């Protein structure tokens, strides 16, 4: 039998088919997937090509809602979506279409409304419209030829909790009839919450209906907080422990954000690893790491003033992958491909 080429993912050896050859970095082999986004499409596709088949799942973040709330596919600038899907499939990945409740403006040039809870509320409350919405999602998946749909409806009203669970059950049934799978991506929480967004997701009900529950392990620190890690191990661990009581670990997928944040006098902004590395080099900043988390951070001063940057690299993401593996989770997904430390996914020479 011809031996498969090996790749290294955060210290884990993998076969080109995506199966673990050894689990040096975690107590168990952890399969890794990632999103490809329209705004980083070229880099994301290149990461699929360069990772040597290490990605077990590739999720194309390409579907949203039009101004009336109907699901539509948004082709990346320059096109190439269908070819990229074929490439991901050819690399041995399970290919998903992610649909998010970002709503297009009412007129050309109007800004997209991010995470529009109101339009989802209207859809969920109308049985006929809910049925049509499900049919349109299934049709998009059919047209793209993906093996699964990932539902990423965020910031939903707490009052829509039961309706959303019912919608997920119905959509799962529709997709299963066509031999497609359903994933549901949810916002983080470490306890029952009444907050808009997390409160709308009944993790036990969603897990029972869908084939997988993807839990965001990020935004512990963000533009609305003081500087700090996007996800400390303690914070992420509490969320995973809460999830363990509501969904089987085999169906639960932790989601790791691979980018960082720059807090400055004018506000905060998300930056990819490449930008963080460039800033540290330009300003000759001393990079430090939080004890236990291995999360790198540094400070620099430019013409505007003092900045603090926290970001993720291979070492810090490896710690989170170990955390997931140590708690019995067999998969993680990266948000998003092309923004990460380029040494995280690399072919072994």
Protein backbone atom coordinates (compact mmCIF):
# COMPACT_ATOMS: atom_id res chain seq x y z
CA UNK A 1 0.00 0.00 0.00
CA UNK A 2 1.38 3.43 -0.92
CA UNK A 3 1.98 5.56 2.15
CA UNK A 4 0.02 8.81 2.27
CA UNK A 5 1.92 12.06 2.40
CA UNK A 6 2.04 13.47 5.91
CA UNK A 7 1.36 16.99 7.07
CA UNK A 8 1.88 18.72 10.38
CA UNK A 9 -0.96 20.54 12.06
CA UNK A 10 0.06 22.17 15.32
CA UNK A 11 2.34 19.22 16.04
CA UNK A 12 -0.14 16.53 14.99
CA UNK A 13 0.77 14.20 12.14
CA UNK A 14 -2.01 13.50 9.67
CA UNK A 15 -2.51 11.42 6.57
CA UNK A 16 -3.53 13.08 3.32
CA UNK A 17 -7.01 11.58 3.79
CA UNK A 18 -7.45 13.59 6.96
CA UNK A 19 -7.04 10.71 9.43
CA UNK A 20 -4.64 11.17 12.35
CA UNK A 21 -1.38 9.23 12.12
CA UNK A 22 -0.35 10.26 15.64
CA UNK A 23 -1.69 12.54 18.32
CA UNK A 24 1.44 14.19 19.69
CA UNK A 25 -0.23 17.51 20.50
CA UNK A 26 -3.44 16.27 22.10
CA UNK A 27 -4.61 13.27 24.10
CA UNK A 28 -6.64 12.36 21.03
CA UNK A 29 -6.27 13.13 17.36
CA UNK A 30 -8.29 16.26 16.58
CA UNK A 31 -9.61 16.80 13.06
CA UNK A 32 -9.45 20.38 11.87
CA UNK A 33 -11.63 22.31 9.43
CA UNK A 34 -12.01 25.95 8.45
CA UNK A 35 -14.14 28.59 6.81
CA UNK A 36 -13.43 30.27 3.50
CA UNK A 37 -14.87 33.80 3.42
CA UNK A 38 -15.67 36.04 0.42
CA UNK A 39 -13.41 38.85 1.70
CA UNK A 40 -10.43 36.50 2.06
CA UNK A 41 -11.43 34.09 -0.66
CA UNK A 42 -8.14 33.80 -2.54
CA UNK A 43 -6.11 33.26 0.61
CA UNK A 44 -8.64 30.73 1.91
CA UNK A 45 -8.58 28.69 -1.27
CA UNK A 46 -4.79 28.81 -1.32
CA UNK A 47 -4.78 27.42 2.21
CA UNK A 48 -6.87 24.46 1.02
CA UNK A 49 -4.28 23.82 -1.67
CA UNK A 50 -1.24 24.20 0.56
CA UNK A 51 -2.50 22.22 3.55
CA UNK A 52 -2.00 18.89 1.85
CA UNK A 53 -5.42 17.45 2.58
CA UNK A 54 -5.29 18.16 6.32
CA UNK A 55 -8.67 19.91 6.38
CA UNK A 56 -11.47 17.50 7.21
CA UNK A 57 -14.17 20.16 6.76
CA UNK A 58 -14.29 23.25 4.54
CA UNK A 59 -17.16 25.66 5.08
CA UNK A 60 -17.85 28.27 2.41
CA UNK A 61 -19.31 31.38 4.06
CA UNK A 62 -21.21 32.45 0.95
CA UNK A 63 -24.96 32.58 1.67
CA UNK A 64 -26.91 35.38 3.33
CA UNK A 65 -30.37 36.98 3.11
CA UNK A 66 -31.59 39.42 0.49
CA UNK A 67 -33.52 42.53 1.52
CA UNK A 68 -36.74 40.49 1.78
CA UNK A 69 -35.11 37.79 3.88
CA UNK A 70 -34.76 35.15 1.18
CA UNK A 71 -31.46 33.19 1.15
CA UNK A 72 -29.06 33.97 -1.68
CA UNK A 73 -25.50 33.01 -2.59
CA UNK A 74 -22.99 35.83 -2.85
CA UNK A 75 -20.19 34.95 -5.24
CA UNK A 76 -16.75 36.20 -4.17
CA UNK A 77 -15.25 39.04 -6.18
CA UNK A 78 -13.72 37.49 -9.28
CA UNK A 79 -15.88 34.38 -9.00
CA UNK A 80 -14.44 30.90 -8.71
CA UNK A 81 -16.81 29.58 -6.03
CA UNK A 82 -17.87 26.41 -7.85
CA UNK A 83 -14.27 25.60 -8.78
CA UNK A 84 -13.17 26.12 -5.17
CA UNK A 85 -15.89 23.78 -3.93
CA UNK A 86 -14.66 21.13 -6.37
CA UNK A 87 -11.09 21.68 -5.16
CA UNK A 88 -12.07 21.28 -1.52
CA UNK A 89 -14.00 18.12 -2.33
CA UNK A 90 -11.05 16.80 -4.33
CA UNK A 91 -8.76 17.44 -1.35
CA UNK A 92 -10.88 15.05 0.70
CA UNK A 93 -12.78 17.63 2.75
CA UNK A 94 -16.45 17.47 3.67
CA UNK A 95 -17.84 20.63 2.06
CA UNK A 96 -20.45 22.87 3.68
CA UNK A 97 -22.34 26.00 2.71
CA UNK A 98 -22.74 28.45 5.59
CA UNK A 99 -25.75 30.75 5.57
CA UNK A 100 -25.72 33.75 7.91
CA UNK A 101 -28.54 36.15 8.77
CA UNK A 102 -26.74 39.15 7.31
CA UNK A 103 -29.42 41.03 5.35
CA UNK A 104 -28.78 43.00 2.18
CA UNK A 105 -29.81 46.66 2.05
CA UNK A 106 -33.24 47.68 0.75
CA UNK A 107 -31.64 49.46 -2.21
CA UNK A 108 -28.38 49.29 -4.17
CA UNK A 109 -25.59 50.86 -2.18
CA UNK A 110 -27.34 50.41 1.15
CA UNK A 111 -25.20 48.72 3.78
CA UNK A 112 -25.74 45.09 4.70
CA UNK A 113 -27.44 44.73 8.08
CA UNK A 114 -25.36 42.27 10.06
CA UNK A 115 -27.07 39.52 12.10
CA UNK A 116 -30.61 40.75 11.46
CA UNK A 117 -32.77 39.18 14.16
CA UNK A 118 -35.96 40.95 13.11
CA UNK A 119 -36.19 39.33 9.67
CA UNK A 120 -35.56 35.88 11.16
CA UNK A 121 -38.27 36.56 13.75
CA UNK A 122 -40.74 37.31 10.94
CA UNK A 123 -39.80 34.14 9.05
CA UNK A 124 -39.99 31.87 12.08
CA UNK A 125 -43.42 33.16 13.07
CA UNK A 126 -45.02 32.48 9.69
CA UNK A 127 -45.38 28.72 8.95
CA UNK A 128 -45.71 29.24 5.19
CA UNK A 129 -42.73 31.55 5.00
CA UNK A 130 -40.69 29.27 7.25
CA UNK A 131 -41.42 26.36 4.92
CA UNK A 132 -40.41 28.43 1.88
CA UNK A 133 -37.24 29.58 3.62
CA UNK A 134 -36.21 26.00 4.28
CA UNK A 135 -36.89 25.05 0.68
CA UNK A 136 -34.75 27.89 -0.62
CA UNK A 137 -31.85 26.92 1.64
CA UNK A 138 -32.04 23.31 0.45
CA UNK A 139 -32.15 24.53 -3.15
CA UNK A 140 -28.96 26.58 -2.71
CA UNK A 141 -27.18 23.56 -1.24
CA UNK A 142 -28.36 21.45 -4.15
CA UNK A 143 -27.17 23.99 -6.72
CA UNK A 144 -23.73 24.32 -5.15
CA UNK A 145 -23.37 20.59 -4.72
CA UNK A 146 -22.30 20.81 -1.07
CA UNK A 147 -22.63 17.90 1.32
CA UNK A 148 -23.99 19.94 4.20
CA UNK A 149 -25.53 23.23 5.31
CA UNK A 150 -24.22 25.25 8.25
CA UNK A 151 -26.84 27.56 9.78
CA UNK A 152 -25.25 30.62 11.38
CA UNK A 153 -28.18 32.74 12.58
CA UNK A 154 -26.90 35.02 15.34
CA UNK A 155 -28.26 37.59 17.79
CA UNK A 156 -31.75 36.09 17.56
CA UNK A 157 -34.46 37.23 19.96
CA UNK A 158 -34.71 35.16 23.14
CA UNK A 159 -38.46 34.79 22.56
CA UNK A 160 -37.73 32.85 19.35
CA UNK A 161 -35.92 30.01 21.16
CA UNK A 162 -38.55 27.33 20.65
CA UNK A 163 -39.44 28.47 17.12
CA UNK A 164 -35.77 28.38 16.14
CA UNK A 165 -35.39 24.85 17.53
CA UNK A 166 -38.46 23.78 15.53
CA UNK A 167 -37.05 25.37 12.38
CA UNK A 168 -33.78 23.48 12.84
CA UNK A 169 -35.64 20.18 13.26
CA UNK A 170 -37.61 20.85 10.08
CA UNK A 171 -34.55 21.91 8.08
CA UNK A 172 -32.60 18.87 9.25
CA UNK A 173 -35.43 16.62 8.06
CA UNK A 174 -35.50 18.36 4.67
CA UNK A 175 -31.75 18.02 4.20
CA UNK A 176 -31.58 14.44 5.44
CA UNK A 177 -34.16 13.49 2.82
CA UNK A 178 -31.56 14.59 0.24
CA UNK A 179 -28.67 12.91 2.09
CA UNK A 180 -27.21 16.21 3.27
CA UNK A 181 -26.18 17.12 6.80
CA UNK A 182 -27.05 20.12 8.95
CA UNK A 183 -24.69 22.02 11.23
CA UNK A 184 -25.78 24.85 13.53
CA UNK A 185 -23.26 27.47 14.65
CA UNK A 186 -24.06 29.15 17.96
CA UNK A 187 -22.71 32.00 20.06
CA UNK A 188 -20.78 31.19 23.24
CA UNK A 189 -22.22 30.83 26.73
CA UNK A 190 -21.08 29.07 29.87
CA UNK A 191 -24.50 29.03 31.56
CA UNK A 192 -28.15 29.53 30.71
CA UNK A 193 -28.41 33.08 29.48
CA UNK A 194 -31.19 35.57 28.93
CA UNK A 195 -29.14 37.68 26.53
CA UNK A 196 -30.23 38.18 22.94
CA UNK A 197 -28.41 35.65 20.80
CA UNK A 198 -27.21 33.03 23.29
CA UNK A 199 -30.66 32.77 24.90
CA UNK A 200 -32.26 31.92 21.55
CA UNK A 201 -30.17 28.77 21.20
CA UNK A 202 -31.38 25.72 23.11
CA UNK A 203 -28.19 23.71 22.76
CA UNK A 204 -29.78 20.40 23.79
CA UNK A 205 -32.64 20.79 21.32
CA UNK A 206 -30.39 21.95 18.50
CA UNK A 207 -27.95 19.11 19.13
CA UNK A 208 -30.78 16.56 19.07
CA UNK A 209 -32.01 17.83 15.70
CA UNK A 210 -28.81 18.76 13.84
CA UNK A 211 -25.82 16.63 12.92
CA UNK A 212 -23.38 18.96 14.65
CA UNK A 213 -23.36 21.95 16.97
CA UNK A 214 -20.52 24.39 16.31
CA UNK A 215 -19.76 26.61 19.30
CA UNK A 216 -17.87 29.88 18.90
CA UNK A 217 -14.99 29.99 21.37
CA UNK A 218 -14.12 33.63 20.85
CA UNK A 219 -14.83 37.28 21.59
CA UNK A 220 -14.10 37.02 25.31
CA UNK A 221 -12.29 40.29 24.66
CA UNK A 222 -13.44 42.44 21.76
CA UNK A 223 -13.92 46.03 20.63
CA UNK A 224 -16.30 46.65 23.54
CA UNK A 225 -13.89 45.43 26.24
CA UNK A 226 -10.44 46.15 27.53
CA UNK A 227 -7.54 44.44 25.71
CA UNK A 228 -7.11 40.73 26.32
CA UNK A 229 -7.11 37.31 24.64
CA UNK A 230 -9.85 36.59 22.13
CA UNK A 231 -10.32 33.39 24.13
CA UNK A 232 -8.45 32.39 27.27
CA UNK A 233 -8.24 28.68 28.05
CA UNK A 234 -10.19 29.12 31.28
CA UNK A 235 -13.02 30.96 29.48
CA UNK A 236 -13.14 28.48 26.59
CA UNK A 237 -12.99 25.53 28.96
CA UNK A 238 -16.03 26.75 30.89
CA UNK A 239 -18.03 26.93 27.65
CA UNK A 240 -16.97 23.42 26.61
CA UNK A 241 -17.88 22.07 30.04
CA UNK A 242 -21.33 23.66 29.79
CA UNK A 243 -21.76 22.21 26.30
CA UNK A 244 -20.84 18.72 27.49
CA UNK A 245 -24.02 18.55 29.54
CA UNK A 246 -26.20 19.43 26.56
CA UNK A 247 -24.68 17.79 23.50
CA UNK A 248 -22.65 14.67 22.87
CA UNK A 249 -19.00 15.52 22.32
CA UNK A 250 -19.04 13.62 19.02
CA UNK A 251 -21.51 16.20 17.67
CA UNK A 252 -19.97 19.30 19.27
CA UNK A 253 -17.40 21.30 17.29
CA UNK A 254 -15.42 24.07 19.02
CA UNK A 255 -14.76 27.06 16.74
CA UNK A 256 -11.43 28.87 17.15
CA UNK A 257 -10.81 32.39 15.89
CA UNK A 258 -7.35 32.69 14.36
CA UNK A 259 -7.09 36.49 14.06
CA UNK A 260 -6.26 39.14 16.66
CA UNK A 261 -7.30 42.60 17.75
CA UNK A 262 -5.53 45.96 17.87
CA UNK A 263 -6.84 48.32 20.58
CA UNK A 264 -5.82 51.91 19.94
CA UNK A 265 -6.84 55.51 20.75
CA UNK A 266 -9.40 55.56 17.93
CA UNK A 267 -10.96 52.20 18.82
CA UNK A 268 -10.29 48.54 18.16
CA UNK A 269 -10.11 46.50 14.96
CA UNK A 270 -9.69 42.85 14.06
CA UNK A 271 -6.42 42.08 12.31
CA UNK A 272 -5.08 38.88 10.71
CA UNK A 273 -1.91 37.21 11.95
CA UNK A 274 0.08 38.73 9.09
CA UNK A 275 -0.87 42.26 10.16
CA UNK A 276 -0.03 41.59 13.81
CA UNK A 277 3.36 40.17 12.85
CA UNK A 278 4.07 43.12 10.57
CA UNK A 279 3.21 45.64 13.31
CA UNK A 280 5.43 43.89 15.84
CA UNK A 281 8.31 43.89 13.37
CA UNK A 282 7.81 47.49 12.26
CA UNK A 283 7.74 48.90 15.78
CA UNK A 284 10.26 46.42 17.17
CA UNK A 285 7.75 45.45 19.82
CA UNK A 286 8.52 42.89 22.47
CA UNK A 287 6.07 39.99 22.19
CA UNK A 288 4.97 38.49 25.50
CA UNK A 289 2.69 35.56 26.27
CA UNK A 290 0.06 35.04 28.91
CA UNK A 291 1.05 32.30 31.30
CA UNK A 292 -0.88 29.11 30.62
CA UNK A 293 -2.65 30.38 27.50
CA UNK A 294 0.46 31.11 25.43
CA UNK A 295 -1.48 33.98 23.80
CA UNK A 296 0.99 36.49 22.31
CA UNK A 297 0.53 40.22 22.85
CA UNK A 298 2.54 43.42 22.52
CA UNK A 299 2.31 47.19 22.68
CA UNK A 300 3.47 49.83 20.25
CA UNK A 301 3.13 53.56 19.76
CA UNK A 302 2.42 55.24 16.43
CA UNK A 303 1.50 58.79 15.40
CA UNK A 304 -1.98 58.36 16.87
CA UNK A 305 -0.94 56.97 20.22
CA UNK A 306 -0.52 53.83 22.27
CA UNK A 307 -1.81 50.46 20.99
CA UNK A 308 -2.21 47.02 22.55
CA UNK A 309 -2.40 43.95 20.31
CA UNK A 310 -3.47 40.43 21.25
CA UNK A 311 -3.36 37.83 18.50
CA UNK A 312 -3.23 34.09 17.85
CA UNK A 313 -0.36 32.07 16.45
CA UNK A 314 0.47 28.40 16.07
CA UNK A 315 1.56 28.06 19.69
CA UNK A 316 -1.56 29.64 21.19
CA UNK A 317 -3.94 27.80 18.85
CA UNK A 318 -2.16 24.53 19.65
CA UNK A 319 -2.99 25.13 23.31
CA UNK A 320 -6.67 25.50 22.45
CA UNK A 321 -6.62 22.41 20.24
CA UNK A 322 -5.08 20.52 23.17
CA UNK A 323 -7.79 21.90 25.43
CA UNK A 324 -10.51 20.59 23.11
CA UNK A 325 -8.82 17.23 22.64
CA UNK A 326 -8.24 16.85 26.36
CA UNK A 327 -11.96 17.27 27.01
CA UNK A 328 -12.85 14.64 24.44
CA UNK A 329 -13.75 16.84 21.47
CA UNK A 330 -12.55 15.29 18.23
CA UNK A 331 -12.89 18.23 15.84
CA UNK A 332 -12.31 21.98 15.72
CA UNK A 333 -13.06 24.55 13.03
CA UNK A 334 -10.99 27.66 12.33
CA UNK A 335 -12.48 31.10 11.70
CA UNK A 336 -11.16 31.75 9.14
CA UNK A 337 -8.70 30.35 6.58
CA UNK A 338 -6.16 32.85 5.29
CA UNK A 339 -6.06 34.89 8.51
CA UNK A 340 -4.08 32.39 10.55
CA UNK A 341 -0.39 31.95 11.27
CA UNK A 342 0.89 30.38 8.03
CA UNK A 343 2.83 27.75 9.98
CA UNK A 344 -0.35 26.32 11.53
CA UNK A 345 -1.27 24.31 8.44
CA UNK A 346 1.76 23.17 6.55
CA UNK A 347 2.85 20.22 4.48
CA UNK A 348 5.63 18.14 5.94
CA UNK A 349 8.64 18.09 3.61
